[in-house]
Amino acid sequence: MTKLLIATAAAVIAFAAPATAKERVFTHEGVTYAYTATPKGDTLVLEGKASQGGKFRLVVKGDWVDGYAGGARVSFRAPKREGAGAVVVAQR
């Protein structure tokens, strides 16, 4: 569960390109995550699943993220981006 939460936090900041409904994929600690990022008004909805079967749906609004990951409710501050195009990896 912790790995999925950390990876979903990474997914929140992994979309350096403009958000579209195109599927994106990344690997974190040997687990591959596939998701879509869909803008809806002033929010961004991230929906996807991990290669080990965990699904997630996150809604990013401003600097806050709410949703579900691996069947559990999650809510956390969105990691800050460092510069244009830079990706910050979530840490414990």
N, C-alpha and C. Protein backbone atom coordinates (compact mmCIF):
# COMPACT_ATOMS: atom_id res chain seq x y z
N MET A 1 0.82 -1.19 0.00
CA MET A 1 0.00 0.00 0.00
C MET A 1 0.86 1.25 0.00
N THR A 2 1.93 1.24 0.81
CA THR A 2 2.80 2.40 0.88
C THR A 2 3.48 2.66 -0.46
N LYS A 3 3.91 1.59 -1.12
CA LYS A 3 4.54 1.76 -2.44
C LYS A 3 3.57 2.38 -3.42
N LEU A 4 2.30 1.93 -3.39
CA LEU A 4 1.31 2.47 -4.30
C LEU A 4 1.07 3.94 -4.01
N LEU A 5 1.00 4.31 -2.74
CA LEU A 5 0.78 5.71 -2.38
C LEU A 5 1.95 6.58 -2.84
N ILE A 6 3.17 6.12 -2.64
CA ILE A 6 4.34 6.87 -3.08
C ILE A 6 4.35 6.99 -4.60
N ALA A 7 4.03 5.91 -5.28
CA ALA A 7 4.01 5.95 -6.74
C ALA A 7 2.92 6.85 -7.27
N THR A 8 1.75 6.86 -6.61
CA THR A 8 0.69 7.75 -7.08
C THR A 8 1.08 9.20 -6.85
N ALA A 9 1.81 9.47 -5.78
CA ALA A 9 2.31 10.83 -5.57
C ALA A 9 3.28 11.19 -6.68
N ALA A 10 4.10 10.23 -7.09
CA ALA A 10 5.01 10.47 -8.20
C ALA A 10 4.24 10.71 -9.49
N ALA A 11 3.13 10.01 -9.67
CA ALA A 11 2.31 10.19 -10.86
C ALA A 11 1.75 11.60 -10.94
N VAL A 12 1.41 12.15 -9.80
CA VAL A 12 0.84 13.50 -9.75
C VAL A 12 1.78 14.50 -10.39
N ILE A 13 3.08 14.32 -10.19
CA ILE A 13 4.04 15.29 -10.72
C ILE A 13 4.72 14.80 -11.99
N ALA A 14 4.40 13.61 -12.43
CA ALA A 14 5.07 13.04 -13.60
C ALA A 14 4.51 13.59 -14.92
N PHE A 15 3.47 14.37 -14.87
CA PHE A 15 2.86 14.88 -16.10
C PHE A 15 3.40 16.27 -16.44
N ALA A 16 4.64 16.32 -16.91
CA ALA A 16 5.25 17.60 -17.27
C ALA A 16 4.62 18.19 -18.53
N ALA A 17 4.12 17.33 -19.41
CA ALA A 17 3.46 17.79 -20.63
C ALA A 17 2.03 18.21 -20.29
N PRO A 18 1.39 18.97 -21.17
CA PRO A 18 0.01 19.36 -20.92
C PRO A 18 -0.87 18.13 -20.74
N ALA A 19 -1.83 18.21 -19.82
CA ALA A 19 -2.68 17.06 -19.50
C ALA A 19 -3.67 16.76 -20.62
N THR A 20 -3.70 15.52 -21.03
CA THR A 20 -4.68 15.02 -21.98
C THR A 20 -5.10 13.65 -21.51
N ALA A 21 -6.07 13.04 -22.20
CA ALA A 21 -6.55 11.73 -21.80
C ALA A 21 -5.66 10.61 -22.34
N LYS A 22 -4.52 10.91 -22.88
CA LYS A 22 -3.59 9.91 -23.40
C LYS A 22 -3.00 9.09 -22.24
N GLU A 23 -2.90 7.77 -22.45
CA GLU A 23 -2.35 6.91 -21.39
C GLU A 23 -0.85 7.15 -21.24
N ARG A 24 -0.41 7.21 -20.00
CA ARG A 24 1.00 7.40 -19.67
C ARG A 24 1.45 6.23 -18.82
N VAL A 25 2.73 5.92 -18.88
CA VAL A 25 3.27 4.79 -18.15
C VAL A 25 4.59 5.18 -17.50
N PHE A 26 4.80 4.73 -16.25
CA PHE A 26 6.09 4.89 -15.60
C PHE A 26 6.32 3.71 -14.68
N THR A 27 7.58 3.48 -14.33
CA THR A 27 7.94 2.38 -13.43
C THR A 27 8.60 2.95 -12.20
N HIS A 28 8.19 2.45 -11.03
CA HIS A 28 8.74 2.89 -9.75
C HIS A 28 8.98 1.65 -8.90
N GLU A 29 10.22 1.44 -8.47
CA GLU A 29 10.60 0.29 -7.65
C GLU A 29 10.12 -1.03 -8.25
N GLY A 30 10.27 -1.18 -9.55
CA GLY A 30 9.93 -2.43 -10.23
C GLY A 30 8.46 -2.63 -10.55
N VAL A 31 7.62 -1.69 -10.18
CA VAL A 31 6.18 -1.79 -10.47
C VAL A 31 5.85 -0.78 -11.56
N THR A 32 5.15 -1.23 -12.60
CA THR A 32 4.77 -0.35 -13.70
C THR A 32 3.36 0.17 -13.48
N TYR A 33 3.21 1.48 -13.65
CA TYR A 33 1.93 2.16 -13.48
C TYR A 33 1.50 2.74 -14.81
N ALA A 34 0.24 2.49 -15.20
CA ALA A 34 -0.34 3.07 -16.41
C ALA A 34 -1.53 3.90 -15.97
N TYR A 35 -1.63 5.13 -16.50
CA TYR A 35 -2.72 6.01 -16.07
C TYR A 35 -3.05 7.01 -17.16
N THR A 36 -4.22 7.61 -17.01
CA THR A 36 -4.61 8.72 -17.87
C THR A 36 -4.75 9.96 -16.99
N ALA A 37 -4.50 11.10 -17.57
CA ALA A 37 -4.65 12.38 -16.89
C ALA A 37 -5.67 13.19 -17.69
N THR A 38 -6.83 13.42 -17.09
CA THR A 38 -7.92 14.10 -17.78
C THR A 38 -8.28 15.39 -17.07
N PRO A 39 -8.13 16.55 -17.75
CA PRO A 39 -8.54 17.80 -17.11
C PRO A 39 -10.07 17.91 -17.07
N LYS A 40 -10.59 18.33 -15.91
CA LYS A 40 -12.03 18.55 -15.74
C LYS A 40 -12.20 19.84 -14.97
N GLY A 41 -12.49 20.91 -15.68
CA GLY A 41 -12.62 22.22 -15.03
C GLY A 41 -11.29 22.64 -14.43
N ASP A 42 -11.29 22.95 -13.14
CA ASP A 42 -10.04 23.37 -12.49
C ASP A 42 -9.34 22.21 -11.77
N THR A 43 -9.71 20.97 -12.14
CA THR A 43 -9.07 19.80 -11.54
C THR A 43 -8.43 18.94 -12.63
N LEU A 44 -7.58 18.03 -12.18
CA LEU A 44 -6.97 17.05 -13.07
C LEU A 44 -7.25 15.69 -12.46
N VAL A 45 -7.86 14.78 -13.23
CA VAL A 45 -8.20 13.46 -12.73
C VAL A 45 -7.20 12.45 -13.28
N LEU A 46 -6.51 11.75 -12.36
CA LEU A 46 -5.56 10.70 -12.72
C LEU A 46 -6.19 9.36 -12.38
N GLU A 47 -6.36 8.50 -13.39
CA GLU A 47 -6.93 7.18 -13.17
C GLU A 47 -6.03 6.15 -13.80
N GLY A 48 -5.78 5.05 -13.07
CA GLY A 48 -4.92 4.03 -13.62
C GLY A 48 -4.80 2.83 -12.72
N LYS A 49 -3.79 1.98 -13.04
CA LYS A 49 -3.56 0.79 -12.23
C LYS A 49 -2.08 0.42 -12.28
N ALA A 50 -1.69 -0.35 -11.27
CA ALA A 50 -0.33 -0.83 -11.16
C ALA A 50 -0.26 -2.23 -11.79
N SER A 51 0.95 -2.61 -12.21
CA SER A 51 1.12 -3.93 -12.82
C SER A 51 0.78 -5.04 -11.83
N GLN A 52 0.82 -4.76 -10.54
CA GLN A 52 0.48 -5.75 -9.53
C GLN A 52 -0.99 -5.69 -9.15
N GLY A 53 -1.79 -4.98 -9.92
CA GLY A 53 -3.24 -5.00 -9.74
C GLY A 53 -3.87 -3.88 -8.97
N GLY A 54 -3.12 -3.02 -8.31
CA GLY A 54 -3.70 -1.92 -7.54
C GLY A 54 -4.21 -0.81 -8.45
N LYS A 55 -5.47 -0.43 -8.30
CA LYS A 55 -6.04 0.67 -9.08
C LYS A 55 -6.01 1.94 -8.27
N PHE A 56 -5.99 3.08 -8.97
CA PHE A 56 -6.06 4.35 -8.28
C PHE A 56 -6.84 5.37 -9.09
N ARG A 57 -7.43 6.32 -8.39
CA ARG A 57 -8.12 7.47 -8.99
C ARG A 57 -7.82 8.65 -8.09
N LEU A 58 -7.14 9.63 -8.63
CA LEU A 58 -6.74 10.80 -7.87
C LEU A 58 -7.28 12.05 -8.54
N VAL A 59 -7.73 12.99 -7.74
CA VAL A 59 -8.19 14.28 -8.25
C VAL A 59 -7.26 15.34 -7.69
N VAL A 60 -6.57 16.04 -8.60
CA VAL A 60 -5.62 17.08 -8.23
C VAL A 60 -6.32 18.43 -8.41
N LYS A 61 -6.40 19.18 -7.32
CA LYS A 61 -7.00 20.50 -7.38
C LYS A 61 -6.09 21.46 -6.63
N GLY A 62 -5.50 22.39 -7.37
CA GLY A 62 -4.54 23.30 -6.76
C GLY A 62 -3.34 22.53 -6.26
N ASP A 63 -3.04 22.65 -4.99
CA ASP A 63 -1.90 21.93 -4.44
C ASP A 63 -2.33 20.76 -3.56
N TRP A 64 -3.53 20.23 -3.80
CA TRP A 64 -4.05 19.15 -2.98
C TRP A 64 -4.49 17.98 -3.85
N VAL A 65 -4.31 16.75 -3.36
CA VAL A 65 -4.69 15.53 -4.07
C VAL A 65 -5.62 14.71 -3.17
N ASP A 66 -6.76 14.30 -3.70
CA ASP A 66 -7.70 13.44 -2.99
C ASP A 66 -8.07 12.29 -3.91
N GLY A 67 -8.40 11.14 -3.32
CA GLY A 67 -8.85 10.02 -4.12
C GLY A 67 -8.67 8.69 -3.44
N TYR A 68 -8.50 7.66 -4.27
CA TYR A 68 -8.35 6.29 -3.79
C TYR A 68 -7.14 5.65 -4.47
N ALA A 69 -6.39 4.87 -3.70
CA ALA A 69 -5.24 4.13 -4.22
C ALA A 69 -5.20 2.78 -3.54
N GLY A 70 -5.24 1.71 -4.33
CA GLY A 70 -5.22 0.38 -3.76
C GLY A 70 -6.39 0.10 -2.84
N GLY A 71 -7.56 0.70 -3.10
CA GLY A 71 -8.75 0.48 -2.29
C GLY A 71 -8.83 1.34 -1.04
N ALA A 72 -7.82 2.15 -0.78
CA ALA A 72 -7.82 3.01 0.41
C ALA A 72 -7.98 4.47 0.02
N ARG A 73 -8.67 5.23 0.85
CA ARG A 73 -8.83 6.67 0.61
C ARG A 73 -7.52 7.35 0.93
N VAL A 74 -7.09 8.26 0.04
CA VAL A 74 -5.86 9.02 0.25
C VAL A 74 -6.13 10.50 0.08
N SER A 75 -5.35 11.31 0.75
CA SER A 75 -5.43 12.75 0.65
C SER A 75 -4.07 13.30 1.08
N PHE A 76 -3.46 14.09 0.20
CA PHE A 76 -2.14 14.63 0.50
C PHE A 76 -1.86 15.86 -0.35
N ARG A 77 -0.89 16.64 0.10
CA ARG A 77 -0.45 17.80 -0.69
C ARG A 77 0.29 17.32 -1.92
N ALA A 78 0.03 17.97 -3.04
CA ALA A 78 0.74 17.63 -4.27
C ALA A 78 2.20 18.05 -4.12
N PRO A 79 3.13 17.17 -4.46
CA PRO A 79 4.55 17.55 -4.39
C PRO A 79 4.81 18.76 -5.29
N LYS A 80 5.69 19.64 -4.85
CA LYS A 80 6.01 20.82 -5.65
C LYS A 80 6.94 20.46 -6.77
N ARG A 81 6.75 21.11 -7.90
CA ARG A 81 7.65 20.94 -9.04
C ARG A 81 8.83 21.87 -8.87
N GLU A 82 9.98 21.42 -9.29
CA GLU A 82 11.18 22.25 -9.23
C GLU A 82 11.61 22.62 -10.64
N GLY A 83 11.15 23.77 -11.10
CA GLY A 83 11.52 24.23 -12.44
C GLY A 83 10.68 23.59 -13.53
N ALA A 84 10.71 24.16 -14.70
CA ALA A 84 9.92 23.66 -15.82
C ALA A 84 10.44 22.31 -16.28
N GLY A 85 9.55 21.35 -16.36
CA GLY A 85 9.91 20.03 -16.85
C GLY A 85 10.62 19.14 -15.86
N ALA A 86 10.97 19.63 -14.69
CA ALA A 86 11.66 18.82 -13.70
C ALA A 86 10.65 17.95 -12.97
N VAL A 87 11.06 16.76 -12.63
CA VAL A 87 10.21 15.83 -11.90
C VAL A 87 10.83 15.60 -10.53
N VAL A 88 10.03 15.80 -9.49
CA VAL A 88 10.46 15.57 -8.12
C VAL A 88 9.93 14.22 -7.68
N VAL A 89 10.79 13.36 -7.18
CA VAL A 89 10.37 12.04 -6.74
C VAL A 89 9.91 12.12 -5.29
N ALA A 90 8.77 11.52 -5.01
CA ALA A 90 8.24 11.52 -3.64
C ALA A 90 9.16 10.73 -2.74
N GLN A 91 9.35 11.22 -1.54
CA GLN A 91 10.18 10.54 -0.55
C GLN A 91 9.40 10.32 0.72
N ARG A 92 9.83 9.34 1.51
CA ARG A 92 9.16 9.04 2.79
C ARG A 92 9.63 9.98 3.84
